[in-house]
Amino acid sequence: MTSAHTRPIDVDRRRSLLTGCMIGIALMAAADTIAFHQLLGWHHFYDQSTPDAGLLSDGLLQTAYLVLLVAGLFWFADLHRRRALARRSAWAGFVLGLGGFQLFDGLVDHKLLRVHQVRYGVDLLPYDLAWNGVGLSVLVLGSALVWWSRAEGRGAASEPARPTES
């Protein structure tokens, strides 16, 4: 039974942001692995050994991003079920995760650790600039979306109300 009294929806902005970020990281890792590792064959996750080691490293990367994706989707479903999903924050986290993975891969994996490069046998500068430029642009967009969603979940004015049961 419902009454005329309503209470504000308690959205969980922080968890929504983290959930979106997890899904964004996982999907960008999947896109990278499918496009550059499998379809184009430009590199493996770890290229400093044998081709078999490269394939194994790709399999481990795929396992990691699938675990992250499934965990993120379970968290998303839980937030949605409890009506605690802060949608704008989840989208902001998603875009932040996309850009964060791309830039981390470009700077840490490619340059700092040198586990692989974007492509071999070519001038790397245009590839690095494009790779890291896209990652930085998406990360900046995600940060702007986080900033724009900062009021989400603060008080009854920012969210619709739902009926309470008597």
C-alpha atoms as a PDB file:
ATOM      1  CA  MET A   1       0.000   0.000   0.000  1.00  0.00           C
ATOM      2  CA  THR A   2       1.312   3.462  -0.795  1.00  0.00           C
ATOM      3  CA  SER A   3       0.544   6.722   0.878  1.00  0.00           C
ATOM      4  CA  ALA A   4       0.738  10.325  -0.199  1.00  0.00           C
ATOM      5  CA  HIS A   5       3.991  10.718   1.734  1.00  0.00           C
ATOM      6  CA  THR A   6       7.134  10.487  -0.303  1.00  0.00           C
ATOM      7  CA  ARG A   7      10.795  10.325   0.559  1.00  0.00           C
ATOM      8  CA  PRO A   8      13.735  11.224  -1.648  1.00  0.00           C
ATOM      9  CA  ILE A   9      15.572   8.485  -3.487  1.00  0.00           C
ATOM     10  CA  ASP A  10      18.925   7.827  -1.866  1.00  0.00           C
ATOM     11  CA  VAL A  11      21.269   7.465  -4.826  1.00  0.00           C
ATOM     12  CA  ASP A  12      24.788   6.209  -4.299  1.00  0.00           C
ATOM     13  CA  ARG A  13      26.859   8.579  -6.432  1.00  0.00           C
ATOM     14  CA  ARG A  14      30.247   7.237  -5.375  1.00  0.00           C
ATOM     15  CA  ARG A  15      29.388   3.606  -6.091  1.00  0.00           C
ATOM     16  CA  SER A  16      27.678   4.571  -9.347  1.00  0.00           C
ATOM     17  CA  LEU A  17      30.825   6.430 -10.430  1.00  0.00           C
ATOM     18  CA  LEU A  18      33.028   3.457  -9.506  1.00  0.00           C
ATOM     19  CA  THR A  19      30.693   1.023 -11.267  1.00  0.00           C
ATOM     20  CA  GLY A  20      30.744   3.063 -14.455  1.00  0.00           C
ATOM     21  CA  CYS A  21      34.525   3.344 -14.242  1.00  0.00           C
ATOM     22  CA  MET A  22      34.907  -0.435 -13.895  1.00  0.00           C
ATOM     23  CA  ILE A  23      32.725  -1.032 -16.939  1.00  0.00           C
ATOM     24  CA  GLY A  24      34.543   1.662 -18.936  1.00  0.00           C
ATOM     25  CA  ILE A  25      37.969   0.211 -18.153  1.00  0.00           C
ATOM     26  CA  ALA A  26      36.800  -3.287 -19.046  1.00  0.00           C
ATOM     27  CA  LEU A  27      35.203  -2.239 -22.338  1.00  0.00           C
ATOM     28  CA  MET A  28      38.227  -0.197 -23.439  1.00  0.00           C
ATOM     29  CA  ALA A  29      40.500  -3.131 -22.574  1.00  0.00           C
ATOM     30  CA  ALA A  30      38.223  -5.369 -24.629  1.00  0.00           C
ATOM     31  CA  ALA A  31      38.266  -2.966 -27.585  1.00  0.00           C
ATOM     32  CA  ASP A  32      42.058  -2.715 -27.396  1.00  0.00           C
ATOM     33  CA  THR A  33      42.527  -6.474 -27.159  1.00  0.00           C
ATOM     34  CA  ILE A  34      40.076  -7.303 -29.938  1.00  0.00           C
ATOM     35  CA  ALA A  35      41.167  -4.564 -32.360  1.00  0.00           C
ATOM     36  CA  PHE A  36      44.924  -4.314 -31.848  1.00  0.00           C
ATOM     37  CA  HIS A  37      45.856  -7.736 -30.462  1.00  0.00           C
ATOM     38  CA  GLN A  38      43.527 -10.020 -32.419  1.00  0.00           C
ATOM     39  CA  LEU A  39      42.211  -8.344 -35.589  1.00  0.00           C
ATOM     40  CA  LEU A  40      45.177  -6.164 -36.566  1.00  0.00           C
ATOM     41  CA  GLY A  41      47.795  -8.310 -34.822  1.00  0.00           C
ATOM     42  CA  TRP A  42      49.927  -5.236 -34.084  1.00  0.00           C
ATOM     43  CA  HIS A  43      51.005  -6.388 -30.624  1.00  0.00           C
ATOM     44  CA  HIS A  44      50.279  -8.614 -27.624  1.00  0.00           C
ATOM     45  CA  PHE A  45      50.010  -7.434 -24.061  1.00  0.00           C
ATOM     46  CA  TYR A  46      53.563  -8.669 -23.419  1.00  0.00           C
ATOM     47  CA  ASP A  47      55.816  -8.647 -26.464  1.00  0.00           C
ATOM     48  CA  GLN A  48      59.217  -9.105 -24.833  1.00  0.00           C
ATOM     49  CA  SER A  49      59.247 -12.904 -25.113  1.00  0.00           C
ATOM     50  CA  THR A  50      57.978 -15.676 -27.387  1.00  0.00           C
ATOM     51  CA  PRO A  51      54.721 -15.530 -29.392  1.00  0.00           C
ATOM     52  CA  ASP A  52      53.284 -18.145 -27.001  1.00  0.00           C
ATOM     53  CA  ALA A  53      54.043 -15.891 -24.028  1.00  0.00           C
ATOM     54  CA  GLY A  54      52.344 -13.043 -25.900  1.00  0.00           C
ATOM     55  CA  LEU A  55      49.213 -15.109 -26.433  1.00  0.00           C
ATOM     56  CA  LEU A  56      49.224 -16.163 -22.777  1.00  0.00           C
ATOM     57  CA  SER A  57      49.538 -12.529 -21.687  1.00  0.00           C
ATOM     58  CA  ASP A  58      46.580 -11.618 -23.933  1.00  0.00           C
ATOM     59  CA  GLY A  59      44.530 -14.402 -22.351  1.00  0.00           C
ATOM     60  CA  LEU A  60      45.364 -13.159 -18.852  1.00  0.00           C
ATOM     61  CA  LEU A  61      44.412  -9.613 -19.856  1.00  0.00           C
ATOM     62  CA  GLN A  62      41.121 -10.876 -21.267  1.00  0.00           C
ATOM     63  CA  THR A  63      40.425 -12.788 -18.055  1.00  0.00           C
ATOM     64  CA  ALA A  64      41.110  -9.675 -15.981  1.00  0.00           C
ATOM     65  CA  TYR A  65      38.861  -7.382 -18.009  1.00  0.00           C
ATOM     66  CA  LEU A  66      36.056  -9.971 -18.118  1.00  0.00           C
ATOM     67  CA  VAL A  67      36.150 -10.296 -14.319  1.00  0.00           C
ATOM     68  CA  LEU A  68      36.092  -6.497 -14.031  1.00  0.00           C
ATOM     69  CA  LEU A  69      33.222  -6.249 -16.532  1.00  0.00           C
ATOM     70  CA  VAL A  70      31.101  -8.890 -14.801  1.00  0.00           C
ATOM     71  CA  ALA A  71      31.733  -7.335 -11.365  1.00  0.00           C
ATOM     72  CA  GLY A  72      30.834  -3.899 -12.733  1.00  0.00           C
ATOM     73  CA  LEU A  73      27.634  -5.198 -14.318  1.00  0.00           C
ATOM     74  CA  PHE A  74      26.614  -6.926 -11.071  1.00  0.00           C
ATOM     75  CA  TRP A  75      27.192  -3.685  -9.153  1.00  0.00           C
ATOM     76  CA  PHE A  76      25.247  -1.789 -11.809  1.00  0.00           C
ATOM     77  CA  ALA A  77      22.331  -4.243 -11.555  1.00  0.00           C
ATOM     78  CA  ASP A  78      22.377  -4.019  -7.753  1.00  0.00           C
ATOM     79  CA  LEU A  79      22.324  -0.215  -7.812  1.00  0.00           C
ATOM     80  CA  HIS A  80      19.508  -0.251 -10.365  1.00  0.00           C
ATOM     81  CA  ARG A  81      17.505  -2.809  -8.379  1.00  0.00           C
ATOM     82  CA  ARG A  82      17.817  -0.732  -5.186  1.00  0.00           C
ATOM     83  CA  ARG A  83      17.015   2.442  -7.157  1.00  0.00           C
ATOM     84  CA  ALA A  84      20.314   3.860  -5.933  1.00  0.00           C
ATOM     85  CA  LEU A  85      21.883   4.282  -9.367  1.00  0.00           C
ATOM     86  CA  ALA A  86      23.088   7.825 -10.006  1.00  0.00           C
ATOM     87  CA  ARG A  87      22.819   7.681 -13.794  1.00  0.00           C
ATOM     88  CA  ARG A  88      24.847  10.768 -14.665  1.00  0.00           C
ATOM     89  CA  SER A  89      27.608   9.686 -12.292  1.00  0.00           C
ATOM     90  CA  ALA A  90      27.629   6.175 -13.770  1.00  0.00           C
ATOM     91  CA  TRP A  91      28.003   7.633 -17.289  1.00  0.00           C
ATOM     92  CA  ALA A  92      30.730   9.967 -16.055  1.00  0.00           C
ATOM     93  CA  GLY A  93      32.572   7.022 -14.505  1.00  0.00           C
ATOM     94  CA  PHE A  94      32.162   5.031 -17.714  1.00  0.00           C
ATOM     95  CA  VAL A  95      33.793   7.751 -19.834  1.00  0.00           C
ATOM     96  CA  LEU A  96      36.453   8.300 -17.161  1.00  0.00           C
ATOM     97  CA  GLY A  97      37.244   4.576 -17.239  1.00  0.00           C
ATOM     98  CA  LEU A  98      37.526   4.551 -21.038  1.00  0.00           C
ATOM     99  CA  GLY A  99      40.010   7.424 -21.064  1.00  0.00           C
ATOM    100  CA  GLY A 100      41.841   6.274 -17.958  1.00  0.00           C
ATOM    101  CA  PHE A 101      42.552   2.851 -19.415  1.00  0.00           C
ATOM    102  CA  GLN A 102      43.669   4.295 -22.749  1.00  0.00           C
ATOM    103  CA  LEU A 103      46.043   6.828 -21.199  1.00  0.00           C
ATOM    104  CA  PHE A 104      47.384   4.340 -18.627  1.00  0.00           C
ATOM    105  CA  ASP A 105      48.077   1.849 -21.415  1.00  0.00           C
ATOM    106  CA  GLY A 106      49.796   4.490 -23.547  1.00  0.00           C
ATOM    107  CA  LEU A 107      51.967   5.971 -20.831  1.00  0.00           C
ATOM    108  CA  VAL A 108      52.630   3.108 -18.423  1.00  0.00           C
ATOM    109  CA  ASP A 109      52.477  -0.026 -20.613  1.00  0.00           C
ATOM    110  CA  HIS A 110      53.960   1.524 -23.771  1.00  0.00           C
ATOM    111  CA  LYS A 111      56.489   4.025 -22.415  1.00  0.00           C
ATOM    112  CA  LEU A 112      57.312   3.324 -18.776  1.00  0.00           C
ATOM    113  CA  LEU A 113      57.221  -0.491 -18.613  1.00  0.00           C
ATOM    114  CA  ARG A 114      57.671  -1.039 -22.370  1.00  0.00           C
ATOM    115  CA  VAL A 115      55.680  -4.301 -22.296  1.00  0.00           C
ATOM    116  CA  HIS A 116      54.547  -3.495 -25.849  1.00  0.00           C
ATOM    117  CA  GLN A 117      54.218  -0.680 -28.356  1.00  0.00           C
ATOM    118  CA  VAL A 118      51.168   0.290 -30.413  1.00  0.00           C
ATOM    119  CA  ARG A 119      52.835  -1.037 -33.532  1.00  0.00           C
ATOM    120  CA  TYR A 120      56.266  -2.231 -34.607  1.00  0.00           C
ATOM    121  CA  GLY A 121      58.385  -1.383 -37.630  1.00  0.00           C
ATOM    122  CA  VAL A 122      57.002   2.144 -38.019  1.00  0.00           C
ATOM    123  CA  ASP A 123      57.676   5.626 -36.663  1.00  0.00           C
ATOM    124  CA  LEU A 124      55.976   5.468 -33.254  1.00  0.00           C
ATOM    125  CA  LEU A 125      55.495   9.197 -32.708  1.00  0.00           C
ATOM    126  CA  PRO A 126      52.236   9.578 -34.704  1.00  0.00           C
ATOM    127  CA  TYR A 127      50.814   6.425 -33.091  1.00  0.00           C
ATOM    128  CA  ASP A 128      51.814   7.538 -29.592  1.00  0.00           C
ATOM    129  CA  LEU A 129      50.399  11.025 -30.111  1.00  0.00           C
ATOM    130  CA  ALA A 130      47.115   9.644 -31.435  1.00  0.00           C
ATOM    131  CA  TRP A 131      46.870   6.922 -28.759  1.00  0.00           C
ATOM    132  CA  ASN A 132      47.640   9.192 -25.827  1.00  0.00           C
ATOM    133  CA  GLY A 133      45.792  12.170 -27.315  1.00  0.00           C
ATOM    134  CA  VAL A 134      42.578  10.182 -27.615  1.00  0.00           C
ATOM    135  CA  GLY A 135      43.055   8.804 -24.107  1.00  0.00           C
ATOM    136  CA  LEU A 136      43.671  12.261 -22.638  1.00  0.00           C
ATOM    137  CA  SER A 137      40.702  13.772 -24.505  1.00  0.00           C
ATOM    138  CA  VAL A 138      38.329  11.070 -23.270  1.00  0.00           C
ATOM    139  CA  LEU A 139      39.747  11.371 -19.732  1.00  0.00           C
ATOM    140  CA  VAL A 140      39.160  15.149 -19.764  1.00  0.00           C
ATOM    141  CA  LEU A 141      35.604  14.599 -21.028  1.00  0.00           C
ATOM    142  CA  GLY A 142      35.018  12.057 -18.249  1.00  0.00           C
ATOM    143  CA  SER A 143      36.375  14.493 -15.655  1.00  0.00           C
ATOM    144  CA  ALA A 144      34.026  17.199 -16.944  1.00  0.00           C
ATOM    145  CA  LEU A 145      31.095  14.782 -16.697  1.00  0.00           C
ATOM    146  CA  VAL A 146      32.097  13.932 -13.112  1.00  0.00           C
ATOM    147  CA  TRP A 147      32.125  17.640 -12.298  1.00  0.00           C
ATOM    148  CA  TRP A 148      28.728  18.194 -13.957  1.00  0.00           C
ATOM    149  CA  SER A 149      27.210  15.283 -12.045  1.00  0.00           C
ATOM    150  CA  ARG A 150      28.562  16.388  -8.659  1.00  0.00           C
ATOM    151  CA  ALA A 151      25.173  17.524  -7.307  1.00  0.00           C
ATOM    152  CA  GLU A 152      23.511  14.218  -8.160  1.00  0.00           C
ATOM    153  CA  GLY A 153      22.095  12.629  -5.036  1.00  0.00           C
ATOM    154  CA  ARG A 154      22.374  15.728  -2.832  1.00  0.00           C
ATOM    155  CA  GLY A 155      18.979  16.185  -1.265  1.00  0.00           C
ATOM    156  CA  ALA A 156      15.438  15.812  -2.508  1.00  0.00           C
ATOM    157  CA  ALA A 157      15.682  18.700  -4.956  1.00  0.00           C
ATOM    158  CA  SER A 158      18.090  16.880  -7.256  1.00  0.00           C
ATOM    159  CA  GLU A 159      16.215  13.595  -7.509  1.00  0.00           C
ATOM    160  CA  PRO A 160      12.613  12.588  -8.051  1.00  0.00           C
ATOM    161  CA  ALA A 161      10.672  11.305  -5.086  1.00  0.00           C
ATOM    162  CA  ARG A 162       9.165   7.872  -4.713  1.00  0.00           C
ATOM    163  CA  PRO A 163       6.201   6.839  -2.596  1.00  0.00           C
ATOM    164  CA  THR A 164       6.777   5.310   0.808  1.00  0.00           C
ATOM    165  CA  GLU A 165       4.808   2.375   2.092  1.00  0.00           C
ATOM    166  CA  SER A 166       2.596   2.703   5.138  1.00  0.00           C
END
